Structure formats: C-alpha cells, structure tokens
PDB file of N, CA and C in Angstrom:
ATOM      1  N   UNK A   1     -47.108  -3.986 -46.778  1.00  0.00           N
ATOM      2  CA  UNK A   1     -45.957  -4.791 -47.024  1.00  0.00           C
ATOM      3  C   UNK A   1     -45.493  -5.451 -45.750  1.00  0.00           C
ATOM      4  N   UNK A   2     -45.243  -6.675 -45.852  1.00  0.00           N
ATOM      5  CA  UNK A   2     -44.789  -7.432 -44.686  1.00  0.00           C
ATOM      6  C   UNK A   2     -43.288  -7.268 -44.539  1.00  0.00           C
ATOM      7  N   UNK A   3     -42.818  -7.172 -43.286  1.00  0.00           N
ATOM      8  CA  UNK A   3     -41.373  -7.040 -43.102  1.00  0.00           C
ATOM      9  C   UNK A   3     -40.672  -8.302 -43.553  1.00  0.00           C
ATOM     10  N   UNK A   4     -39.558  -8.081 -44.154  1.00  0.00           N
ATOM     11  CA  UNK A   4     -38.771  -9.222 -44.619  1.00  0.00           C
ATOM     12  C   UNK A   4     -37.598  -9.402 -43.684  1.00  0.00           C
ATOM     13  N   UNK A   5     -37.240 -10.587 -43.488  1.00  0.00           N
ATOM     14  CA  UNK A   5     -36.081 -10.837 -42.646  1.00  0.00           C
ATOM     15  C   UNK A   5     -34.995 -11.451 -43.504  1.00  0.00           C
ATOM     16  N   UNK A   6     -33.826 -10.992 -43.239  1.00  0.00           N
ATOM     17  CA  UNK A   6     -32.686 -11.529 -43.970  1.00  0.00           C
ATOM     18  C   UNK A   6     -31.905 -12.399 -43.023  1.00  0.00           C
ATOM     19  N   UNK A   7     -31.690 -13.568 -43.411  1.00  0.00           N
ATOM     20  CA  UNK A   7     -30.888 -14.474 -42.603  1.00  0.00           C
ATOM     21  C   UNK A   7     -29.610 -14.772 -43.356  1.00  0.00           C
ATOM     22  N   UNK A   8     -28.558 -14.650 -42.615  1.00  0.00           N
ATOM     23  CA  UNK A   8     -27.271 -14.961 -43.205  1.00  0.00           C
ATOM     24  C   UNK A   8     -26.843 -16.315 -42.679  1.00  0.00           C
ATOM     25  N   UNK A   9     -26.561 -17.169 -43.573  1.00  0.00           N
ATOM     26  CA  UNK A   9     -26.087 -18.471 -43.122  1.00  0.00           C
ATOM     27  C   UNK A   9     -24.567 -18.455 -43.167  1.00  0.00           C
ATOM     28  N   UNK A  10     -23.951 -18.694 -42.047  1.00  0.00           N
ATOM     29  CA  UNK A  10     -22.495 -18.693 -42.032  1.00  0.00           C
ATOM     30  C   UNK A  10     -21.962 -19.833 -42.877  1.00  0.00           C
ATOM     31  N   UNK A  11     -20.856 -19.563 -43.484  1.00  0.00           N
ATOM     32  CA  UNK A  11     -20.218 -20.592 -44.290  1.00  0.00           C
ATOM     33  C   UNK A  11     -19.614 -21.638 -43.358  1.00  0.00           C
ATOM     34  N   UNK A  12     -19.595 -22.831 -43.762  1.00  0.00           N
ATOM     35  CA  UNK A  12     -18.909 -23.829 -42.949  1.00  0.00           C
ATOM     36  C   UNK A  12     -17.429 -23.443 -42.802  1.00  0.00           C
ATOM     37  N   UNK A  13     -16.853 -23.871 -41.726  1.00  0.00           N
ATOM     38  CA  UNK A  13     -15.498 -23.470 -41.383  1.00  0.00           C
ATOM     39  C   UNK A  13     -14.498 -23.818 -42.483  1.00  0.00           C
ATOM     40  N   UNK A  14     -14.653 -24.901 -43.116  1.00  0.00           N
ATOM     41  CA  UNK A  14     -13.686 -25.300 -44.141  1.00  0.00           C
ATOM     42  C   UNK A  14     -13.892 -24.539 -45.441  1.00  0.00           C
ATOM     43  N   UNK A  15     -15.068 -23.903 -45.637  1.00  0.00           N
ATOM     44  CA  UNK A  15     -15.305 -23.152 -46.864  1.00  0.00           C
ATOM     45  C   UNK A  15     -14.945 -21.673 -46.715  1.00  0.00           C
ATOM     46  N   UNK A  16     -14.832 -21.205 -45.506  1.00  0.00           N
ATOM     47  CA  UNK A  16     -14.490 -19.811 -45.282  1.00  0.00           C
ATOM     48  C   UNK A  16     -12.978 -19.667 -45.431  1.00  0.00           C
ATOM     49  N   UNK A  17     -12.499 -18.950 -46.469  1.00  0.00           N
ATOM     50  CA  UNK A  17     -11.064 -18.927 -46.741  1.00  0.00           C
ATOM     51  C   UNK A  17     -10.249 -18.170 -45.688  1.00  0.00           C
ATOM     52  N   UNK A  18     -10.812 -17.144 -45.068  1.00  0.00           N
ATOM     53  CA  UNK A  18     -10.041 -16.373 -44.090  1.00  0.00           C
ATOM     54  C   UNK A  18     -10.743 -16.432 -42.753  1.00  0.00           C
ATOM     55  N   UNK A  19     -10.296 -17.287 -41.922  1.00  0.00           N
ATOM     56  CA  UNK A  19     -10.841 -17.343 -40.581  1.00  0.00           C
ATOM     57  C   UNK A  19     -10.094 -16.330 -39.732  1.00  0.00           C
ATOM     58  N   UNK A  20     -10.587 -16.089 -38.559  1.00  0.00           N
ATOM     59  CA  UNK A  20      -9.984 -15.094 -37.678  1.00  0.00           C
ATOM     60  C   UNK A  20      -8.544 -15.458 -37.336  1.00  0.00           C
ATOM     61  N   UNK A  21      -8.256 -16.706 -37.199  1.00  0.00           N
ATOM     62  CA  UNK A  21      -6.900 -17.122 -36.865  1.00  0.00           C
ATOM     63  C   UNK A  21      -5.945 -16.926 -38.027  1.00  0.00           C
ATOM     64  N   UNK A  22      -6.475 -16.977 -39.255  1.00  0.00           N
ATOM     65  CA  UNK A  22      -5.615 -16.859 -40.427  1.00  0.00           C
ATOM     66  C   UNK A  22      -5.278 -15.404 -40.765  1.00  0.00           C
ATOM     67  N   UNK A  23      -6.018 -14.478 -40.230  1.00  0.00           N
ATOM     68  CA  UNK A  23      -5.792 -13.067 -40.563  1.00  0.00           C
ATOM     69  C   UNK A  23      -4.555 -12.562 -39.835  1.00  0.00           C
ATOM     70  N   UNK A  24      -3.661 -11.942 -40.595  1.00  0.00           N
ATOM     71  CA  UNK A  24      -2.452 -11.357 -40.029  1.00  0.00           C
ATOM     72  C   UNK A  24      -2.343  -9.923 -40.520  1.00  0.00           C
ATOM     73  N   UNK A  25      -1.806  -9.074 -39.650  1.00  0.00           N
ATOM     74  CA  UNK A  25      -1.570  -7.697 -40.068  1.00  0.00           C
ATOM     75  C   UNK A  25      -0.336  -7.674 -40.956  1.00  0.00           C
ATOM     76  N   UNK A  26      -0.374  -6.863 -41.993  1.00  0.00           N
ATOM     77  CA  UNK A  26       0.816  -6.756 -42.849  1.00  0.00           C
ATOM     78  C   UNK A  26       2.000  -6.186 -42.070  1.00  0.00           C
ATOM     79  N   UNK A  27       3.183  -6.481 -42.564  1.00  0.00           N
ATOM     80  CA  UNK A  27       4.411  -6.040 -41.903  1.00  0.00           C
ATOM     81  C   UNK A  27       4.449  -4.514 -41.820  1.00  0.00           C
ATOM     82  N   UNK A  28       3.968  -3.840 -42.843  1.00  0.00           N
ATOM     83  CA  UNK A  28       3.956  -2.371 -42.844  1.00  0.00           C
ATOM     84  C   UNK A  28       3.153  -1.820 -41.671  1.00  0.00           C
ATOM     85  N   UNK A  29       2.041  -2.455 -41.379  1.00  0.00           N
ATOM     86  CA  UNK A  29       1.202  -2.000 -40.274  1.00  0.00           C
ATOM     87  C   UNK A  29       1.950  -2.164 -38.953  1.00  0.00           C
ATOM     88  N   UNK A  30       2.636  -3.272 -38.785  1.00  0.00           N
ATOM     89  CA  UNK A  30       3.407  -3.491 -37.564  1.00  0.00           C
ATOM     90  C   UNK A  30       4.527  -2.462 -37.438  1.00  0.00           C
ATOM     91  N   UNK A  31       5.177  -2.166 -38.549  1.00  0.00           N
ATOM     92  CA  UNK A  31       6.249  -1.166 -38.529  1.00  0.00           C
ATOM     93  C   UNK A  31       5.675   0.199 -38.160  1.00  0.00           C
ATOM     94  N   UNK A  32       4.559   0.563 -38.779  1.00  0.00           N
ATOM     95  CA  UNK A  32       3.928   1.846 -38.467  1.00  0.00           C
ATOM     96  C   UNK A  32       3.472   1.918 -37.010  1.00  0.00           C
ATOM     97  N   UNK A  33       2.926   0.827 -36.510  1.00  0.00           N
ATOM     98  CA  UNK A  33       2.523   0.793 -35.099  1.00  0.00           C
ATOM     99  C   UNK A  33       3.732   0.952 -34.181  1.00  0.00           C
ATOM    100  N   UNK A  34       4.814   0.275 -34.520  1.00  0.00           N
ATOM    101  CA  UNK A  34       6.045   0.394 -33.731  1.00  0.00           C
ATOM    102  C   UNK A  34       6.584   1.815 -33.742  1.00  0.00           C
ATOM    103  N   UNK A  35       6.586   2.446 -34.927  1.00  0.00           N
ATOM    104  CA  UNK A  35       7.051   3.825 -35.021  1.00  0.00           C
ATOM    105  C   UNK A  35       6.139   4.769 -34.245  1.00  0.00           C
ATOM    106  N   UNK A  36       4.849   4.511 -34.293  1.00  0.00           N
ATOM    107  CA  UNK A  36       3.900   5.337 -33.554  1.00  0.00           C
ATOM    108  C   UNK A  36       4.135   5.219 -32.047  1.00  0.00           C
ATOM    109  N   UNK A  37       4.364   4.000 -31.587  1.00  0.00           N
ATOM    110  CA  UNK A  37       4.646   3.795 -30.163  1.00  0.00           C
ATOM    111  C   UNK A  37       5.939   4.515 -29.775  1.00  0.00           C
ATOM    112  N   UNK A  38       6.974   4.397 -30.606  1.00  0.00           N
ATOM    113  CA  UNK A  38       8.233   5.088 -30.323  1.00  0.00           C
ATOM    114  C   UNK A  38       8.047   6.603 -30.297  1.00  0.00           C
ATOM    115  N   UNK A  39       7.245   7.114 -31.199  1.00  0.00           N
ATOM    116  CA  UNK A  39       6.971   8.544 -31.240  1.00  0.00           C
ATOM    117  C   UNK A  39       6.265   9.008 -29.972  1.00  0.00           C
ATOM    118  N   UNK A  40       5.270   8.253 -29.553  1.00  0.00           N
ATOM    119  CA  UNK A  40       4.524   8.609 -28.342  1.00  0.00           C
ATOM    120  C   UNK A  40       5.439   8.554 -27.117  1.00  0.00           C
ATOM    121  N   UNK A  41       6.247   7.510 -27.025  1.00  0.00           N
ATOM    122  CA  UNK A  41       7.176   7.386 -25.896  1.00  0.00           C
ATOM    123  C   UNK A  41       8.191   8.525 -25.928  1.00  0.00           C
ATOM    124  N   UNK A  42       8.720   8.825 -27.103  1.00  0.00           N
ATOM    125  CA  UNK A  42       9.699   9.914 -27.234  1.00  0.00           C
ATOM    126  C   UNK A  42       9.119  11.253 -26.841  1.00  0.00           C
ATOM    127  N   UNK A  43       7.909  11.533 -27.302  1.00  0.00           N
ATOM    128  CA  UNK A  43       7.267  12.798 -26.939  1.00  0.00           C
ATOM    129  C   UNK A  43       6.953  12.863 -25.451  1.00  0.00           C
ATOM    130  N   UNK A  44       6.578  11.738 -24.883  1.00  0.00           N
ATOM    131  CA  UNK A  44       6.302  11.708 -23.446  1.00  0.00           C
ATOM    132  C   UNK A  44       7.570  11.985 -22.643  1.00  0.00           C
ATOM    133  N   UNK A  45       8.665  11.384 -23.044  1.00  0.00           N
ATOM    134  CA  UNK A  45       9.941  11.607 -22.352  1.00  0.00           C
ATOM    135  C   UNK A  45      10.371  13.067 -22.504  1.00  0.00           C
ATOM    136  N   UNK A  46      10.247  13.598 -23.724  1.00  0.00           N
ATOM    137  CA  UNK A  46      10.629  14.988 -23.957  1.00  0.00           C
ATOM    138  C   UNK A  46       9.778  15.939 -23.124  1.00  0.00           C
ATOM    139  N   UNK A  47       8.495  15.671 -23.044  1.00  0.00           N
ATOM    140  CA  UNK A  47       7.602  16.505 -22.241  1.00  0.00           C
ATOM    141  C   UNK A  47       7.988  16.435 -20.769  1.00  0.00           C
ATOM    142  N   UNK A  48       8.299  15.246 -20.294  1.00  0.00           N
ATOM    143  CA  UNK A  48       8.715  15.089 -18.900  1.00  0.00           C
ATOM    144  C   UNK A  48      10.005  15.826 -18.598  1.00  0.00           C
ATOM    145  N   UNK A  49      10.967  15.729 -19.503  1.00  0.00           N
ATOM    146  CA  UNK A  49      12.245  16.411 -19.300  1.00  0.00           C
ATOM    147  C   UNK A  49      12.040  17.926 -19.281  1.00  0.00           C
ATOM    148  N   UNK A  50      11.255  18.441 -20.242  1.00  0.00           N
ATOM    149  CA  UNK A  50      11.015  19.885 -20.281  1.00  0.00           C
ATOM    150  C   UNK A  50      10.239  20.356 -19.056  1.00  0.00           C
ATOM    151  N   UNK A  51       9.274  19.569 -18.627  1.00  0.00           N
ATOM    152  CA  UNK A  51       8.503  19.943 -17.432  1.00  0.00           C
ATOM    153  C   UNK A  51       9.414  19.994 -16.213  1.00  0.00           C
ATOM    154  N   UNK A  52      10.302  19.020 -16.091  1.00  0.00           N
ATOM    155  CA  UNK A  52      11.235  19.016 -14.961  1.00  0.00           C
ATOM    156  C   UNK A  52      12.192  20.203 -15.048  1.00  0.00           C
ATOM    157  N   UNK A  53      12.634  20.514 -16.260  1.00  0.00           N
ATOM    158  CA  UNK A  53      13.568  21.625 -16.438  1.00  0.00           C
ATOM    159  C   UNK A  53      12.907  22.953 -16.097  1.00  0.00           C
ATOM    160  N   UNK A  54      11.679  23.155 -16.552  1.00  0.00           N
ATOM    161  CA  UNK A  54      11.009  24.432 -16.329  1.00  0.00           C
ATOM    162  C   UNK A  54      10.481  24.578 -14.911  1.00  0.00           C
ATOM    163  N   UNK A  55      10.405  23.496 -14.157  1.00  0.00           N
ATOM    164  CA  UNK A  55       9.932  23.582 -12.783  1.00  0.00           C
ATOM    165  C   UNK A  55      11.076  23.692 -11.777  1.00  0.00           C
ATOM    166  N   UNK A  56      12.290  23.779 -12.256  1.00  0.00           N
ATOM    167  CA  UNK A  56      13.428  23.946 -11.360  1.00  0.00           C
ATOM    168  C   UNK A  56      13.352  25.321 -10.695  1.00  0.00           C
ATOM    169  N   UNK A  57      13.840  25.411  -9.470  1.00  0.00           N
ATOM    170  CA  UNK A  57      13.809  26.717  -8.776  1.00  0.00           C
ATOM    171  C   UNK A  57      14.584  27.791  -9.529  1.00  0.00           C
ATOM    172  N   UNK A  58      15.706  27.419 -10.137  1.00  0.00           N
ATOM    173  CA  UNK A  58      16.500  28.415 -10.852  1.00  0.00           C
ATOM    174  C   UNK A  58      15.715  29.003 -12.020  1.00  0.00           C
ATOM    175  N   UNK A  59      14.942  28.165 -12.681  1.00  0.00           N
ATOM    176  CA  UNK A  59      14.154  28.646 -13.805  1.00  0.00           C
ATOM    177  C   UNK A  59      12.975  29.482 -13.316  1.00  0.00           C
ATOM    178  N   UNK A  60      12.369  29.056 -12.212  1.00  0.00           N
ATOM    179  CA  UNK A  60      11.255  29.827 -11.657  1.00  0.00           C
ATOM    180  C   UNK A  60      11.737  31.186 -11.167  1.00  0.00           C
ATOM    181  N   UNK A  61      12.950  31.224 -10.599  1.00  0.00           N
ATOM    182  CA  UNK A  61      13.506  32.481 -10.115  1.00  0.00           C
ATOM    183  C   UNK A  61      14.089  33.314 -11.248  1.00  0.00           C
ATOM    184  N   UNK A  62      14.141  32.764 -12.439  1.00  0.00           N
ATOM    185  CA  UNK A  62      14.738  33.458 -13.577  1.00  0.00           C
ATOM    186  C   UNK A  62      14.006  34.722 -13.952  1.00  0.00           C
ATOM    187  N   UNK A  63      12.683  34.713 -13.903  1.00  0.00           N
ATOM    188  CA  UNK A  63      11.921  35.892 -14.296  1.00  0.00           C
ATOM    189  C   UNK A  63      12.183  37.066 -13.359  1.00  0.00           C
ATOM    190  N   UNK A  64      12.102  36.890 -12.040  1.00  0.00           N
ATOM    191  CA  UNK A  64      12.451  38.019 -11.170  1.00  0.00           C
ATOM    192  C   UNK A  64      13.893  38.480 -11.361  1.00  0.00           C
ATOM    193  N   UNK A  65      14.806  37.539 -11.574  1.00  0.00           N
ATOM    194  CA  UNK A  65      16.214  37.904 -11.781  1.00  0.00           C
ATOM    195  C   UNK A  65      16.350  38.713 -13.067  1.00  0.00           C
ATOM    196  N   UNK A  66      15.628  38.316 -14.108  1.00  0.00           N
ATOM    197  CA  UNK A  66      15.682  39.048 -15.377  1.00  0.00           C
ATOM    198  C   UNK A  66      15.107  40.456 -15.205  1.00  0.00           C
ATOM    199  N   UNK A  67      14.008  40.574 -14.460  1.00  0.00           N
ATOM    200  CA  UNK A  67      13.411  41.885 -14.231  1.00  0.00           C
ATOM    201  C   UNK A  67      14.361  42.781 -13.427  1.00  0.00           C
ATOM    202  N   UNK A  68      15.014  42.202 -12.425  1.00  0.00           N
ATOM    203  CA  UNK A  68      15.974  42.964 -11.641  1.00  0.00           C
ATOM    204  C   UNK A  68      17.133  43.424 -12.519  1.00  0.00           C
ATOM    205  N   UNK A  69      17.582  42.548 -13.386  1.00  0.00           N
ATOM    206  CA  UNK A  69      18.673  42.883 -14.295  1.00  0.00           C
ATOM    207  C   UNK A  69      18.257  44.022 -15.231  1.00  0.00           C
ATOM    208  N   UNK A  70      17.025  43.975 -15.729  1.00  0.00           N
ATOM    209  CA  UNK A  70      16.538  45.053 -16.601  1.00  0.00           C
ATOM    210  C   UNK A  70      16.460  46.374 -15.838  1.00  0.00           C
ATOM    211  N   UNK A  71      16.014  46.316 -14.575  1.00  0.00           N
ATOM    212  CA  UNK A  71      15.936  47.530 -13.769  1.00  0.00           C
ATOM    213  C   UNK A  71      17.327  48.132 -13.572  1.00  0.00           C
ATOM    214  N   UNK A  72      18.292  47.283 -13.256  1.00  0.00           N
ATOM    215  CA  UNK A  72      19.664  47.760 -13.060  1.00  0.00           C
ATOM    216  C   UNK A  72      20.210  48.325 -14.361  1.00  0.00           C
ATOM    217  N   UNK A  73      19.935  47.656 -15.477  1.00  0.00           N
ATOM    218  CA  UNK A  73      20.396  48.142 -16.777  1.00  0.00           C
ATOM    219  C   UNK A  73      19.799  49.510 -17.069  1.00  0.00           C
ATOM    220  N   UNK A  74      18.516  49.673 -16.770  1.00  0.00           N
ATOM    221  CA  UNK A  74      17.854  50.962 -17.003  1.00  0.00           C
ATOM    222  C   UNK A  74      18.493  52.061 -16.151  1.00  0.00           C
ATOM    223  N   UNK A  75      18.765  51.744 -14.882  1.00  0.00           N
ATOM    224  CA  UNK A  75      19.417  52.732 -14.012  1.00  0.00           C
ATOM    225  C   UNK A  75      20.806  53.088 -14.529  1.00  0.00           C
ATOM    226  N   UNK A  76      21.561  52.094 -14.988  1.00  0.00           N
ATOM    227  CA  UNK A  76      22.900  52.353 -15.519  1.00  0.00           C
ATOM    228  C   UNK A  76      22.837  53.198 -16.790  1.00  0.00           C
ATOM    229  N   UNK A  77      21.835  52.945 -17.612  1.00  0.00           N
ATOM    230  CA  UNK A  77      21.673  53.754 -18.829  1.00  0.00           C
ATOM    231  C   UNK A  77      21.376  55.213 -18.470  1.00  0.00           C
ATOM    232  N   UNK A  78      20.553  55.420 -17.445  1.00  0.00           N
ATOM    233  CA  UNK A  78      20.253  56.786 -16.997  1.00  0.00           C
ATOM    234  C   UNK A  78      21.512  57.476 -16.474  1.00  0.00           C
ATOM    235  N   UNK A  79      22.297  56.761 -15.672  1.00  0.00           N
ATOM    236  CA  UNK A  79      23.532  57.336 -15.140  1.00  0.00           C
ATOM    237  C   UNK A  79      24.515  57.647 -16.263  1.00  0.00           C
ATOM    238  N   UNK A  80      24.586  56.772 -17.265  1.00  0.00           N
ATOM    239  CA  UNK A  80      25.472  57.012 -18.401  1.00  0.00           C
ATOM    240  C   UNK A  80      25.034  58.260 -19.164  1.00  0.00           C
ATOM    241  N   UNK A  81      23.725  58.410 -19.369  1.00  0.00           N
ATOM    242  CA  UNK A  81      23.210  59.588 -20.062  1.00  0.00           C
ATOM    243  C   UNK A  81      23.559  60.856 -19.295  1.00  0.00           C
ATOM    244  N   UNK A  82      23.395  60.823 -17.982  1.00  0.00           N
ATOM    245  CA  UNK A  82      23.735  61.989 -17.156  1.00  0.00           C
ATOM    246  C   UNK A  82      25.237  62.295 -17.230  1.00  0.00           C
ATOM    247  N   UNK A  83      26.048  61.257 -17.180  1.00  0.00           N
ATOM    248  CA  UNK A  83      27.502  61.453 -17.249  1.00  0.00           C
ATOM    249  C   UNK A  83      27.898  62.034 -18.605  1.00  0.00           C
ATOM    250  N   UNK A  84      27.249  61.583 -19.684  1.00  0.00           N
ATOM    251  CA  UNK A  84      27.548  62.124 -21.009  1.00  0.00           C
ATOM    252  C   UNK A  84      27.154  63.596 -21.099  1.00  0.00           C
ATOM    253  N   UNK A  85      26.020  63.959 -20.481  1.00  0.00           N
ATOM    254  CA  UNK A  85      25.592  65.362 -20.477  1.00  0.00           C
ATOM    255  C   UNK A  85      26.596  66.228 -19.706  1.00  0.00           C
ATOM    256  N   UNK A  86      27.055  65.734 -18.567  1.00  0.00           N
ATOM    257  CA  UNK A  86      28.051  66.457 -17.785  1.00  0.00           C
ATOM    258  C   UNK A  86      29.338  66.597 -18.592  1.00  0.00           C
ATOM    259  N   UNK A  87      29.739  65.526 -19.285  1.00  0.00           N
ATOM    260  CA  UNK A  87      30.951  65.565 -20.106  1.00  0.00           C
ATOM    261  C   UNK A  87      30.832  66.604 -21.211  1.00  0.00           C
ATOM    262  N   UNK A  88      29.669  66.648 -21.877  1.00  0.00           N
ATOM    263  CA  UNK A  88      29.470  67.644 -22.931  1.00  0.00           C
ATOM    264  C   UNK A  88      29.567  69.060 -22.370  1.00  0.00           C
ATOM    265  N   UNK A  89      28.948  69.251 -21.186  1.00  0.00           N
ATOM    266  CA  UNK A  89      29.039  70.573 -20.556  1.00  0.00           C
ATOM    267  C   UNK A  89      30.469  70.940 -20.202  1.00  0.00           C
ATOM    268  N   UNK A  90      31.201  69.968 -19.682  1.00  0.00           N
ATOM    269  CA  UNK A  90      32.592  70.201 -19.309  1.00  0.00           C
ATOM    270  C   UNK A  90      33.437  70.483 -20.550  1.00  0.00           C
ATOM    271  N   UNK A  91      33.193  69.753 -21.632  1.00  0.00           N
ATOM    272  CA  UNK A  91      33.925  69.998 -22.880  1.00  0.00           C
ATOM    273  C   UNK A  91      33.625  71.396 -23.413  1.00  0.00           C
ATOM    274  N   UNK A  92      32.364  71.810 -23.311  1.00  0.00           N
ATOM    275  CA  UNK A  92      32.001  73.155 -23.768  1.00  0.00           C
ATOM    276  C   UNK A  92      32.703  74.211 -22.926  1.00  0.00           C
ATOM    277  N   UNK A  93      32.762  73.994 -21.618  1.00  0.00           N
ATOM    278  CA  UNK A  93      33.461  74.935 -20.734  1.00  0.00           C
ATOM    279  C   UNK A  93      34.956  74.971 -21.056  1.00  0.00           C
ATOM    280  N   UNK A  94      35.514  73.788 -21.336  1.00  0.00           N
ATOM    281  CA  UNK A  94      36.942  73.726 -21.673  1.00  0.00           C
ATOM    282  C   UNK A  94      37.198  74.457 -22.983  1.00  0.00           C
ATOM    283  N   UNK A  95      36.315  74.306 -23.952  1.00  0.00           N
ATOM    284  CA  UNK A  95      36.494  74.995 -25.226  1.00  0.00           C
ATOM    285  C   UNK A  95      36.417  76.504 -25.027  1.00  0.00           C
ATOM    286  N   UNK A  96      35.470  76.959 -24.221  1.00  0.00           N
ATOM    287  CA  UNK A  96      35.342  78.381 -23.930  1.00  0.00           C
ATOM    288  C   UNK A  96      36.590  78.890 -23.226  1.00  0.00           C
ATOM    289  N   UNK A  97      37.074  78.105 -22.255  1.00  0.00           N
ATOM    290  CA  UNK A  97      38.274  78.485 -21.507  1.00  0.00           C
ATOM    291  C   UNK A  97      39.479  78.563 -22.435  1.00  0.00           C
ATOM    292  N   UNK A  98      39.603  77.599 -23.341  1.00  0.00           N
ATOM    293  CA  UNK A  98      40.722  77.593 -24.283  1.00  0.00           C
ATOM    294  C   UNK A  98      40.670  78.817 -25.193  1.00  0.00           C
ATOM    295  N   UNK A  99      39.460  79.181 -25.618  1.00  0.00           N
ATOM    296  CA  UNK A  99      39.329  80.365 -26.470  1.00  0.00           C
ATOM    297  C   UNK A  99      39.718  81.624 -25.703  1.00  0.00           C
ATOM    298  N   UNK A 100      39.297  81.682 -24.425  1.00  0.00           N
ATOM    299  CA  UNK A 100      39.620  82.849 -23.600  1.00  0.00           C
ATOM    300  C   UNK A 100      41.125  82.948 -23.389  1.00  0.00           C
ATOM    301  N   UNK A 101      41.766  81.833 -23.065  1.00  0.00           N
ATOM    302  CA  UNK A 101      43.211  81.808 -22.854  1.00  0.00           C
ATOM    303  C   UNK A 101      43.922  82.165 -24.153  1.00  0.00           C
ATOM    304  N   UNK A 102      43.439  81.626 -25.254  1.00  0.00           N
ATOM    305  CA  UNK A 102      44.054  81.905 -26.559  1.00  0.00           C
ATOM    306  C   UNK A 102      43.941  83.375 -26.922  1.00  0.00           C
ATOM    307  N   UNK A 103      42.799  83.956 -26.638  1.00  0.00           N
ATOM    308  CA  UNK A 103      42.623  85.364 -26.977  1.00  0.00           C
ATOM    309  C   UNK A 103      43.460  86.260 -26.064  1.00  0.00           C
ATOM    310  N   UNK A 104      43.696  85.891 -24.793  1.00  0.00           N
ATOM    311  CA  UNK A 104      44.524  86.668 -23.874  1.00  0.00           C
ATOM    312  C   UNK A 104      45.996  86.543 -24.247  1.00  0.00           C
ATOM    313  N   UNK A 105      46.382  85.349 -24.705  1.00  0.00           N
ATOM    314  CA  UNK A 105      47.787  85.142 -25.058  1.00  0.00           C
ATOM    315  C   UNK A 105      48.144  85.911 -26.326  1.00  0.00           C
ATOM    316  N   UNK A 106      47.219  86.031 -27.259  1.00  0.00           N
ATOM    317  CA  UNK A 106      47.494  86.682 -28.533  1.00  0.00           C
ATOM    318  C   UNK A 106      47.348  88.201 -28.408  1.00  0.00           C
ATOM    319  N   UNK A 107      46.816  88.697 -27.353  1.00  0.00           N
ATOM    320  CA  UNK A 107      46.632  90.139 -27.243  1.00  0.00           C
ATOM    321  C   UNK A 107      47.729  90.818 -26.498  1.00  0.00           C
TER     322      UNK A 107
END
C-alpha cells in the first residue's frame, strides 16, 4: 500500500466564519480568570503575612517561653501537692490533739 497524503486546503479568508481576530472569550471566562487571579493574589498576601508573623522573634522565642512556663507550672504543682500533704498531716495532728484535750477535760 502506498502512503497517502492528506492535504488540507485552507478556506479563503472571506469564507472562514471565525477568524482569529473574531474569536472572543466569553464574559464568564473573563470573570473566572479575574476571580482566579484575585484568589492567587489573596493567598499570596496571606502566606506572606503569616510567614512574617511566624518569623518574628517573639514567636520564635515563644516555644522556649512556653516550655519554661510548663516547667514552672510543674514545680508549682509539686509544691502544692507537698503543701496539701503537710496540711493533711497537720489536720490529723490537730484532730488527735483535740480528742486528747477533750478526753482530759471530760475526765
């Protein structure tokens, strides 16, 4: 079989109903493109603002400050637990003392 060649003959300019100059994008496409551009710009600005915010020294120092705060909180909780244990012991001693005094007074 011999190869066949297909030749396309272009239509004369006046017979071609839609030339490149006549083609226009629909209004919806322009609106969607505009919204897409606004979305990209908005996200870029938001990313820049967040990057600047998170790179501030106060934010970078926040993690060590938070860890220090947790350490102090843990120490305070331990001291509170010890103080509560001492208080319970003291209350028990006071109750024993009150019973002893009460029994001496009634005898």
